[in-house]
Amino acid sequence: MAAPPLRRAERIRALLQDALAPELLEVADDSAAHAGHGGFDPDGSHFRVRIVSARFAGLSRLARHRLVYDALASMLHHEIHALVLDCQASKDPAALGSR
């Protein structure tokens, strides 16, 4: 028997883990808060990601976001409607602090 397919949040986590080897990775599915709005999908469509990775060192906010978008490219056009990103480099002052 094959394993069940990964939920979208779990797939996001796996793709980012493989691409960016983060020290901290939080993926939240905020889809329920958007029920009845455009792009809502009960399987998950609105996500919030907090990621801390050494790969972001020296990169602008835009470049960090591009790395995340590249890692999630296979999901962006049909499975992710909204994505809120907080991308920090390992040595950024607030990177591993509480929020």
Protein backbone atom coordinates (compact mmCIF):
# COMPACT_ATOMS: atom_id res chain seq x y z
CA MET A 1 0.00 0.00 0.00
CA ALA A 2 1.41 3.40 -1.01
CA ALA A 3 1.85 6.13 1.54
CA PRO A 4 -0.84 8.84 1.44
CA PRO A 5 0.13 12.00 -0.42
CA LEU A 6 1.63 14.80 1.65
CA ARG A 7 -0.61 17.68 2.62
CA ARG A 8 0.35 20.98 1.03
CA ALA A 9 1.89 22.42 4.20
CA GLU A 10 3.99 19.27 4.57
CA ARG A 11 5.08 19.50 0.92
CA ILE A 12 6.07 23.14 1.42
CA ARG A 13 8.10 22.12 4.46
CA ALA A 14 9.82 19.27 2.57
CA LEU A 15 10.68 21.41 -0.47
CA LEU A 16 12.12 24.22 1.65
CA GLN A 17 14.02 21.78 3.85
CA ASP A 18 15.65 20.20 0.78
CA ALA A 19 16.45 23.49 -0.98
CA LEU A 20 17.53 25.74 1.89
CA ALA A 21 18.57 23.51 4.83
CA PRO A 22 16.97 25.89 7.34
CA GLU A 23 17.85 26.07 11.00
CA LEU A 24 14.28 27.10 11.72
CA LEU A 25 11.23 26.44 9.57
CA GLU A 26 7.63 27.18 10.51
CA VAL A 27 4.84 26.59 8.00
CA ALA A 28 1.31 27.60 8.95
CA ASP A 29 -1.82 26.93 6.91
CA ASP A 30 -3.99 30.04 7.26
CA SER A 31 -6.56 28.88 4.69
CA ALA A 32 -9.46 28.54 7.13
CA ALA A 33 -9.32 32.30 7.78
CA HIS A 34 -9.95 32.88 4.07
CA ALA A 35 -12.97 30.62 3.53
CA GLY A 36 -15.36 32.29 1.12
CA HIS A 37 -12.64 34.50 -0.37
CA GLY A 38 -11.02 34.15 -3.78
CA GLY A 39 -8.43 31.42 -4.02
CA PHE A 40 -9.72 29.50 -1.00
CA ASP A 41 -9.15 25.75 -1.19
CA PRO A 42 -10.07 23.45 1.72
CA ASP A 43 -6.89 21.44 1.02
CA GLY A 44 -4.84 24.54 1.80
CA SER A 45 -4.19 27.63 -0.27
CA HIS A 46 -3.01 30.40 2.09
CA PHE A 47 0.28 29.82 3.90
CA ARG A 48 2.65 31.68 6.21
CA VAL A 49 6.32 30.66 6.32
CA ARG A 50 9.03 31.72 8.75
CA ILE A 51 12.43 30.45 7.71
CA VAL A 52 15.96 31.00 8.99
CA SER A 53 18.76 29.80 6.75
CA ALA A 54 22.47 30.46 6.26
CA ARG A 55 21.68 30.55 2.51
CA PHE A 56 20.10 33.99 3.02
CA ALA A 57 23.31 35.59 4.36
CA GLY A 58 24.18 38.76 2.48
CA LEU A 59 21.03 38.63 0.32
CA SER A 60 18.37 41.30 0.04
CA ARG A 61 14.83 40.60 1.12
CA LEU A 62 13.84 40.22 -2.53
CA ALA A 63 16.63 37.73 -3.23
CA ARG A 64 15.64 35.69 -0.18
CA HIS A 65 12.04 35.56 -1.36
CA ARG A 66 13.18 34.49 -4.82
CA LEU A 67 15.04 31.53 -3.33
CA VAL A 68 11.86 30.46 -1.57
CA TYR A 69 9.76 30.95 -4.72
CA ASP A 70 12.28 28.90 -6.70
CA ALA A 71 12.06 26.08 -4.16
CA LEU A 72 8.24 26.13 -4.30
CA ALA A 73 7.94 26.67 -8.08
CA SER A 74 6.15 23.36 -8.64
CA MET A 75 3.35 24.47 -6.28
CA LEU A 76 3.02 28.19 -6.93
CA HIS A 77 0.76 28.27 -9.98
CA HIS A 78 -1.93 25.83 -8.90
CA GLU A 79 -1.63 24.97 -5.21
CA ILE A 80 -0.58 28.12 -3.37
CA HIS A 81 -2.85 31.15 -3.65
CA ALA A 82 -1.19 33.31 -0.99
CA LEU A 83 2.20 33.07 0.68
CA VAL A 84 3.45 35.33 3.48
CA LEU A 85 7.21 35.07 3.99
CA ASP A 86 9.54 35.96 6.85
CA CYS A 87 13.03 35.03 5.62
CA GLN A 88 15.98 35.61 7.93
CA ALA A 89 19.65 34.76 7.62
CA SER A 90 21.13 32.77 10.50
CA LYS A 91 23.14 35.75 11.72
CA ASP A 92 20.35 38.33 11.45
CA PRO A 93 19.72 39.88 14.90
CA ALA A 94 16.15 38.58 15.25
CA ALA A 95 16.63 35.33 13.34
CA LEU A 96 16.27 32.76 16.08
CA GLY A 97 14.65 35.00 18.70
CA SER A 98 11.02 34.63 19.63
CA ARG A 99 8.33 36.49 17.75
